[in-house]
Amino acid sequence: MLNTWVASVFIGSVLFVGCTNDDTTVQESGPSTVTGELKEWAVSVDPESVPAGEVTFEITNNGTVQHEFLVVKTDIADGEIPVDGDHFSESLEGIDVIDEIGEFDMGTTESLTLTLEAGKYQLVCNIPAHYTAGMHTAFVVE
């Protein structure tokens, strides 16, 4: 009886090991690249979410005027940051402006590399009247 039990355990172990996946390497995500476009009156990016870590934004101004590109960490809903006149205060409670590409000319592409924590963000142009005209999009870092 004991020999039968030992044989059953041995055979079960062999079958279990034979059914497992030997490829157990965990793939770490490398830096993420987000491409985007600014134009009157929109901000669009692809992808719209990335894993936490290093992120490079490659943003093209396809508009007819200068635009800027701000990365803002906030739980405020997309497009709902309170404005003071024709733009929002970058020191407003509830928002954290991580960094920006300052005003840049139409037809040009600029890059910005950041290390981002998980959370909700808005990608915006905060030149007077641009945010309220629709130059914002939600962005998620997971």
N, C-alpha and C. Protein backbone atom coordinates (compact mmCIF):
# COMPACT_ATOMS: atom_id res chain seq x y z
N MET A 1 0.83 -1.19 0.00
CA MET A 1 0.00 0.00 0.00
C MET A 1 0.87 1.26 0.00
N LEU A 2 1.93 1.28 0.85
CA LEU A 2 2.82 2.42 0.92
C LEU A 2 3.53 2.63 -0.42
N ASN A 3 3.95 1.51 -1.06
CA ASN A 3 4.62 1.62 -2.35
C ASN A 3 3.69 2.20 -3.41
N THR A 4 2.42 1.84 -3.37
CA THR A 4 1.44 2.37 -4.31
C THR A 4 1.26 3.87 -4.10
N TRP A 5 1.20 4.30 -2.83
CA TRP A 5 1.05 5.73 -2.52
C TRP A 5 2.28 6.52 -2.99
N VAL A 6 3.48 6.01 -2.71
CA VAL A 6 4.73 6.67 -3.14
C VAL A 6 4.76 6.75 -4.66
N ALA A 7 4.41 5.68 -5.33
CA ALA A 7 4.39 5.68 -6.79
C ALA A 7 3.39 6.70 -7.32
N SER A 8 2.23 6.82 -6.70
CA SER A 8 1.21 7.79 -7.13
C SER A 8 1.70 9.21 -6.96
N VAL A 9 2.34 9.49 -5.81
CA VAL A 9 2.87 10.84 -5.57
C VAL A 9 3.95 11.16 -6.59
N PHE A 10 4.86 10.19 -6.85
CA PHE A 10 5.94 10.41 -7.81
C PHE A 10 5.37 10.69 -9.20
N ILE A 11 4.44 9.87 -9.66
CA ILE A 11 3.85 10.06 -10.99
C ILE A 11 3.10 11.39 -11.06
N GLY A 12 2.35 11.73 -10.01
CA GLY A 12 1.64 13.01 -9.98
C GLY A 12 2.60 14.18 -10.05
N SER A 13 3.73 14.07 -9.35
CA SER A 13 4.73 15.15 -9.38
C SER A 13 5.32 15.30 -10.76
N VAL A 14 5.64 14.19 -11.40
CA VAL A 14 6.20 14.23 -12.75
C VAL A 14 5.20 14.86 -13.71
N LEU A 15 3.94 14.47 -13.62
CA LEU A 15 2.91 15.03 -14.50
C LEU A 15 2.74 16.52 -14.24
N PHE A 16 2.76 16.96 -12.97
CA PHE A 16 2.62 18.37 -12.64
C PHE A 16 3.77 19.18 -13.21
N VAL A 17 5.00 18.70 -12.99
CA VAL A 17 6.17 19.42 -13.50
C VAL A 17 6.14 19.45 -15.01
N GLY A 18 5.71 18.37 -15.64
CA GLY A 18 5.64 18.33 -17.09
C GLY A 18 4.62 19.28 -17.67
N CYS A 19 3.63 19.67 -16.87
CA CYS A 19 2.59 20.57 -17.35
C CYS A 19 2.87 22.03 -17.07
N THR A 20 3.92 22.32 -16.34
CA THR A 20 4.20 23.72 -16.03
C THR A 20 4.99 24.35 -17.15
N ASN A 21 4.96 25.66 -17.18
CA ASN A 21 5.67 26.43 -18.19
C ASN A 21 7.07 26.74 -17.67
N ASP A 22 8.09 26.26 -18.36
CA ASP A 22 9.47 26.51 -17.93
C ASP A 22 9.89 27.95 -18.18
N ASP A 23 9.18 28.66 -19.06
CA ASP A 23 9.53 30.04 -19.38
C ASP A 23 8.90 30.97 -18.34
N THR A 24 9.58 31.13 -17.22
CA THR A 24 9.04 31.92 -16.12
C THR A 24 9.69 33.29 -16.01
N THR A 25 10.38 33.72 -17.05
CA THR A 25 11.01 35.02 -17.00
C THR A 25 9.95 36.11 -16.98
N VAL A 26 10.14 37.08 -16.14
CA VAL A 26 9.22 38.21 -16.04
C VAL A 26 9.77 39.31 -16.93
N GLN A 27 8.93 39.79 -17.83
CA GLN A 27 9.37 40.86 -18.70
C GLN A 27 9.13 42.20 -18.01
N GLU A 28 10.19 42.96 -17.88
CA GLU A 28 10.07 44.29 -17.32
C GLU A 28 9.80 45.26 -18.46
N SER A 29 8.93 46.20 -18.20
CA SER A 29 8.65 47.17 -19.25
C SER A 29 9.77 48.20 -19.30
N GLY A 30 10.16 48.54 -20.49
CA GLY A 30 11.19 49.55 -20.66
C GLY A 30 10.54 50.92 -20.77
N PRO A 31 11.32 51.88 -21.18
CA PRO A 31 10.76 53.23 -21.34
C PRO A 31 9.61 53.23 -22.35
N SER A 32 8.65 54.08 -22.09
CA SER A 32 7.50 54.21 -22.99
C SER A 32 7.66 55.46 -23.85
N THR A 33 7.21 55.39 -25.08
CA THR A 33 7.19 56.55 -25.95
C THR A 33 5.74 56.86 -26.32
N VAL A 34 5.38 58.11 -26.14
CA VAL A 34 4.04 58.59 -26.46
C VAL A 34 4.20 59.63 -27.56
N THR A 35 3.52 59.43 -28.67
CA THR A 35 3.54 60.43 -29.73
C THR A 35 2.25 61.23 -29.64
N GLY A 36 2.33 62.49 -30.01
CA GLY A 36 1.15 63.32 -29.90
C GLY A 36 1.16 64.49 -30.84
N GLU A 37 0.00 65.16 -30.84
CA GLU A 37 -0.21 66.29 -31.73
C GLU A 37 -0.98 67.38 -30.99
N LEU A 38 -0.56 68.60 -31.20
CA LEU A 38 -1.28 69.78 -30.74
C LEU A 38 -1.79 70.51 -31.98
N LYS A 39 -3.03 70.95 -31.93
CA LYS A 39 -3.57 71.77 -33.01
C LYS A 39 -4.78 72.50 -32.45
N GLU A 40 -5.26 73.46 -33.18
CA GLU A 40 -6.44 74.18 -32.74
C GLU A 40 -7.65 73.26 -32.85
N TRP A 41 -8.27 72.97 -31.85
CA TRP A 41 -8.13 73.17 -30.42
C TRP A 41 -8.20 71.82 -29.76
N ALA A 42 -7.14 71.05 -29.90
CA ALA A 42 -7.13 69.69 -29.39
C ALA A 42 -5.71 69.24 -29.05
N VAL A 43 -5.66 68.29 -28.12
CA VAL A 43 -4.43 67.56 -27.79
C VAL A 43 -4.76 66.09 -27.99
N SER A 44 -3.97 65.39 -28.77
CA SER A 44 -4.18 63.96 -28.94
C SER A 44 -2.84 63.24 -28.76
N VAL A 45 -2.89 62.07 -28.11
CA VAL A 45 -1.69 61.28 -27.89
C VAL A 45 -2.00 59.80 -28.12
N ASP A 46 -0.95 59.05 -28.42
CA ASP A 46 -1.06 57.61 -28.59
C ASP A 46 0.21 56.97 -28.05
N PRO A 47 0.10 56.10 -27.07
CA PRO A 47 -1.10 55.61 -26.41
C PRO A 47 -1.61 56.61 -25.37
N GLU A 48 -2.80 56.32 -24.83
CA GLU A 48 -3.41 57.20 -23.83
C GLU A 48 -3.12 56.73 -22.40
N SER A 49 -2.38 55.63 -22.27
CA SER A 49 -1.93 55.16 -20.96
C SER A 49 -0.63 54.40 -21.13
N VAL A 50 0.20 54.45 -20.09
CA VAL A 50 1.50 53.77 -20.09
C VAL A 50 1.78 53.25 -18.69
N PRO A 51 2.72 52.31 -18.57
CA PRO A 51 3.13 51.87 -17.23
C PRO A 51 3.96 52.97 -16.55
N ALA A 52 3.95 52.97 -15.23
CA ALA A 52 4.77 53.92 -14.48
C ALA A 52 6.23 53.73 -14.85
N GLY A 53 6.97 54.82 -14.82
CA GLY A 53 8.40 54.77 -15.15
C GLY A 53 8.75 55.86 -16.13
N GLU A 54 9.79 55.61 -16.89
CA GLU A 54 10.28 56.61 -17.84
C GLU A 54 9.36 56.69 -19.05
N VAL A 55 8.95 57.92 -19.37
CA VAL A 55 8.05 58.18 -20.50
C VAL A 55 8.64 59.31 -21.33
N THR A 56 8.73 59.10 -22.63
CA THR A 56 9.15 60.17 -23.54
C THR A 56 7.95 60.58 -24.38
N PHE A 57 7.63 61.87 -24.31
CA PHE A 57 6.58 62.44 -25.13
C PHE A 57 7.23 63.08 -26.35
N GLU A 58 6.79 62.70 -27.54
CA GLU A 58 7.23 63.31 -28.79
C GLU A 58 6.02 64.01 -29.37
N ILE A 59 6.00 65.34 -29.24
CA ILE A 59 4.81 66.12 -29.53
C ILE A 59 5.05 67.04 -30.72
N THR A 60 4.14 66.99 -31.69
CA THR A 60 4.22 67.82 -32.88
C THR A 60 3.16 68.90 -32.81
N ASN A 61 3.56 70.13 -33.11
CA ASN A 61 2.62 71.23 -33.21
C ASN A 61 2.13 71.30 -34.65
N ASN A 62 0.94 70.76 -34.88
CA ASN A 62 0.33 70.80 -36.21
C ASN A 62 -0.69 71.93 -36.32
N GLY A 63 -0.61 72.88 -35.40
CA GLY A 63 -1.51 74.01 -35.42
C GLY A 63 -0.97 75.13 -36.30
N THR A 64 -1.64 76.27 -36.20
CA THR A 64 -1.23 77.44 -36.99
C THR A 64 -0.65 78.53 -36.10
N VAL A 65 -0.58 78.26 -34.78
CA VAL A 65 0.02 79.19 -33.82
C VAL A 65 0.90 78.39 -32.86
N GLN A 66 1.66 79.10 -32.03
CA GLN A 66 2.47 78.42 -31.02
C GLN A 66 1.57 77.74 -29.98
N HIS A 67 2.04 76.61 -29.48
CA HIS A 67 1.38 75.91 -28.39
C HIS A 67 2.44 75.48 -27.38
N GLU A 68 1.98 75.10 -26.18
CA GLU A 68 2.85 74.51 -25.18
C GLU A 68 2.24 73.18 -24.77
N PHE A 69 3.03 72.36 -24.09
CA PHE A 69 2.57 71.03 -23.70
C PHE A 69 2.94 70.81 -22.24
N LEU A 70 1.92 70.75 -21.38
CA LEU A 70 2.14 70.53 -19.96
C LEU A 70 1.66 69.14 -19.56
N VAL A 71 2.42 68.49 -18.69
CA VAL A 71 2.03 67.22 -18.09
C VAL A 71 1.60 67.55 -16.66
N VAL A 72 0.30 67.37 -16.39
CA VAL A 72 -0.29 67.78 -15.12
C VAL A 72 -0.86 66.55 -14.42
N LYS A 73 -0.37 66.26 -13.22
CA LYS A 73 -0.93 65.15 -12.43
C LYS A 73 -2.07 65.72 -11.60
N THR A 74 -3.27 65.11 -11.75
CA THR A 74 -4.44 65.60 -11.05
C THR A 74 -5.57 64.57 -11.07
N ASP A 75 -6.38 64.60 -10.04
CA ASP A 75 -7.60 63.78 -10.02
C ASP A 75 -8.80 64.56 -10.55
N ILE A 76 -8.58 65.82 -10.91
CA ILE A 76 -9.65 66.63 -11.48
C ILE A 76 -9.98 66.07 -12.87
N ALA A 77 -11.27 65.97 -13.18
CA ALA A 77 -11.71 65.41 -14.46
C ALA A 77 -11.15 66.19 -15.64
N ASP A 78 -10.93 65.49 -16.73
CA ASP A 78 -10.40 66.09 -17.95
C ASP A 78 -11.22 67.31 -18.36
N GLY A 79 -10.54 68.42 -18.54
CA GLY A 79 -11.18 69.66 -18.97
C GLY A 79 -11.84 70.45 -17.87
N GLU A 80 -11.75 69.97 -16.62
CA GLU A 80 -12.46 70.61 -15.51
C GLU A 80 -11.54 71.36 -14.53
N ILE A 81 -10.28 71.55 -14.88
CA ILE A 81 -9.42 72.34 -14.00
C ILE A 81 -9.98 73.76 -13.99
N PRO A 82 -10.22 74.32 -12.79
CA PRO A 82 -10.80 75.67 -12.72
C PRO A 82 -9.85 76.71 -13.32
N VAL A 83 -10.41 77.55 -14.17
CA VAL A 83 -9.60 78.60 -14.79
C VAL A 83 -9.82 79.92 -14.06
N ASP A 84 -8.80 80.73 -14.12
CA ASP A 84 -8.85 82.08 -13.56
C ASP A 84 -8.71 83.02 -14.75
N GLY A 85 -9.82 83.44 -15.29
CA GLY A 85 -9.78 84.25 -16.51
C GLY A 85 -9.70 83.34 -17.72
N ASP A 86 -8.55 83.37 -18.42
CA ASP A 86 -8.43 82.60 -19.66
C ASP A 86 -7.46 81.43 -19.59
N HIS A 87 -6.98 81.10 -18.36
CA HIS A 87 -6.12 79.93 -18.18
C HIS A 87 -6.15 79.53 -16.70
N PHE A 88 -5.55 78.39 -16.35
CA PHE A 88 -5.55 78.00 -14.95
C PHE A 88 -4.20 78.32 -14.31
N SER A 89 -4.25 78.56 -13.01
CA SER A 89 -3.03 78.82 -12.25
C SER A 89 -2.27 77.51 -12.11
N GLU A 90 -1.00 77.53 -12.47
CA GLU A 90 -0.20 76.31 -12.39
C GLU A 90 0.19 75.97 -10.96
N SER A 91 -0.17 76.81 -10.00
CA SER A 91 0.08 76.51 -8.59
C SER A 91 -1.23 76.20 -7.86
N LEU A 92 -2.27 75.92 -8.61
CA LEU A 92 -3.60 75.62 -8.08
C LEU A 92 -3.56 74.35 -7.23
N GLU A 93 -4.26 74.36 -6.09
CA GLU A 93 -4.35 73.17 -5.25
C GLU A 93 -5.07 72.06 -6.03
N GLY A 94 -4.54 70.85 -5.92
CA GLY A 94 -5.14 69.71 -6.60
C GLY A 94 -4.52 69.39 -7.95
N ILE A 95 -3.56 70.21 -8.37
CA ILE A 95 -2.83 69.89 -9.60
C ILE A 95 -1.33 69.96 -9.31
N ASP A 96 -0.59 69.16 -10.04
CA ASP A 96 0.86 69.15 -9.94
C ASP A 96 1.41 69.17 -11.35
N VAL A 97 1.91 70.35 -11.77
CA VAL A 97 2.51 70.45 -13.09
C VAL A 97 3.88 69.77 -13.00
N ILE A 98 4.01 68.62 -13.65
CA ILE A 98 5.23 67.83 -13.56
C ILE A 98 6.35 68.49 -14.37
N ASP A 99 6.05 68.86 -15.60
CA ASP A 99 7.04 69.52 -16.46
C ASP A 99 6.30 69.96 -17.72
N GLU A 100 7.03 70.62 -18.60
CA GLU A 100 6.40 71.11 -19.81
C GLU A 100 7.38 71.29 -20.94
N ILE A 101 6.83 71.33 -22.13
CA ILE A 101 7.52 71.84 -23.31
C ILE A 101 6.97 73.24 -23.47
N GLY A 102 7.83 74.24 -23.33
CA GLY A 102 7.38 75.62 -23.47
C GLY A 102 6.86 75.89 -24.88
N GLU A 103 6.34 77.08 -25.07
CA GLU A 103 5.77 77.44 -26.37
C GLU A 103 6.73 77.07 -27.50
N PHE A 104 6.18 76.36 -28.49
CA PHE A 104 7.01 76.01 -29.64
C PHE A 104 6.22 76.20 -30.92
N ASP A 105 6.98 76.43 -32.00
CA ASP A 105 6.40 76.84 -33.27
C ASP A 105 5.64 75.73 -33.98
N MET A 106 4.71 76.17 -34.82
CA MET A 106 3.95 75.25 -35.65
C MET A 106 4.91 74.55 -36.62
N GLY A 107 4.55 73.29 -36.89
CA GLY A 107 5.36 72.50 -37.81
C GLY A 107 6.60 71.89 -37.19
N THR A 108 6.77 72.03 -35.88
CA THR A 108 7.95 71.47 -35.23
C THR A 108 7.53 70.38 -34.23
N THR A 109 8.49 69.54 -33.91
CA THR A 109 8.29 68.46 -32.93
C THR A 109 9.29 68.64 -31.80
N GLU A 110 8.80 68.52 -30.58
CA GLU A 110 9.65 68.62 -29.39
C GLU A 110 9.48 67.35 -28.57
N SER A 111 10.50 67.05 -27.75
CA SER A 111 10.46 65.86 -26.89
C SER A 111 10.62 66.26 -25.44
N LEU A 112 10.01 65.45 -24.58
CA LEU A 112 10.11 65.64 -23.13
C LEU A 112 10.14 64.25 -22.50
N THR A 113 11.20 63.96 -21.73
CA THR A 113 11.32 62.68 -21.06
C THR A 113 11.19 62.89 -19.56
N LEU A 114 10.28 62.10 -18.95
CA LEU A 114 9.97 62.22 -17.53
C LEU A 114 9.90 60.83 -16.91
N THR A 115 10.05 60.79 -15.60
CA THR A 115 9.75 59.58 -14.85
C THR A 115 8.44 59.84 -14.13
N LEU A 116 7.40 59.10 -14.50
CA LEU A 116 6.06 59.36 -13.99
C LEU A 116 5.58 58.25 -13.05
N GLU A 117 4.94 58.68 -11.96
CA GLU A 117 4.31 57.76 -11.02
C GLU A 117 2.93 57.39 -11.53
N ALA A 118 2.41 56.28 -11.02
CA ALA A 118 1.05 55.87 -11.37
C ALA A 118 0.07 56.96 -10.94
N GLY A 119 -0.95 57.17 -11.74
CA GLY A 119 -1.97 58.15 -11.40
C GLY A 119 -2.66 58.69 -12.63
N LYS A 120 -3.55 59.65 -12.38
CA LYS A 120 -4.30 60.32 -13.45
C LYS A 120 -3.61 61.63 -13.80
N TYR A 121 -3.59 61.92 -15.07
CA TYR A 121 -2.94 63.12 -15.59
C TYR A 121 -3.84 63.79 -16.61
N GLN A 122 -3.54 65.06 -16.88
CA GLN A 122 -4.06 65.74 -18.05
C GLN A 122 -2.86 66.27 -18.81
N LEU A 123 -2.93 66.18 -20.13
CA LEU A 123 -1.91 66.74 -21.02
C LEU A 123 -2.57 67.94 -21.66
N VAL A 124 -1.97 69.11 -21.48
CA VAL A 124 -2.69 70.34 -21.82
C VAL A 124 -1.80 71.38 -22.48
N CYS A 125 -2.46 72.32 -23.13
CA CYS A 125 -1.85 73.59 -23.51
C CYS A 125 -2.53 74.64 -22.65
N ASN A 126 -1.74 75.39 -21.89
CA ASN A 126 -2.31 76.38 -20.96
C ASN A 126 -2.04 77.82 -21.40
N ILE A 127 -1.72 78.00 -22.68
CA ILE A 127 -1.63 79.36 -23.20
C ILE A 127 -3.02 79.99 -23.06
N PRO A 128 -3.11 81.27 -22.72
CA PRO A 128 -4.44 81.88 -22.51
C PRO A 128 -5.45 81.49 -23.59
N ALA A 129 -6.59 80.99 -23.11
CA ALA A 129 -7.76 80.58 -23.89
C ALA A 129 -7.62 79.21 -24.56
N HIS A 130 -6.45 78.62 -24.56
CA HIS A 130 -6.28 77.33 -25.24
C HIS A 130 -6.90 76.18 -24.46
N TYR A 131 -6.71 76.14 -23.13
CA TYR A 131 -7.29 75.06 -22.33
C TYR A 131 -8.81 75.09 -22.43
N THR A 132 -9.38 76.26 -22.27
CA THR A 132 -10.85 76.38 -22.32
C THR A 132 -11.40 76.11 -23.72
N ALA A 133 -10.56 76.25 -24.73
CA ALA A 133 -10.99 75.97 -26.11
C ALA A 133 -10.94 74.47 -26.44
N GLY A 134 -10.40 73.66 -25.51
CA GLY A 134 -10.39 72.22 -25.72
C GLY A 134 -9.04 71.56 -25.80
N MET A 135 -7.98 72.31 -25.51
CA MET A 135 -6.64 71.74 -25.64
C MET A 135 -6.23 71.01 -24.36
N HIS A 136 -6.81 69.81 -24.18
CA HIS A 136 -6.52 68.96 -23.05
C HIS A 136 -6.95 67.55 -23.38
N THR A 137 -6.30 66.58 -22.74
CA THR A 137 -6.72 65.18 -22.87
C THR A 137 -6.33 64.44 -21.61
N ALA A 138 -7.12 63.44 -21.26
CA ALA A 138 -6.82 62.60 -20.11
C ALA A 138 -5.69 61.65 -20.47
N PHE A 139 -4.88 61.31 -19.46
CA PHE A 139 -3.75 60.39 -19.63
C PHE A 139 -3.59 59.62 -18.34
N VAL A 140 -3.34 58.32 -18.44
CA VAL A 140 -3.24 57.48 -17.25
C VAL A 140 -1.88 56.79 -17.22
N VAL A 141 -1.27 56.82 -16.05
CA VAL A 141 -0.03 56.07 -15.82
C VAL A 141 -0.39 54.97 -14.84
N GLU A 142 -0.16 53.73 -15.26
CA GLU A 142 -0.58 52.58 -14.46
C GLU A 142 0.55 52.01 -13.62
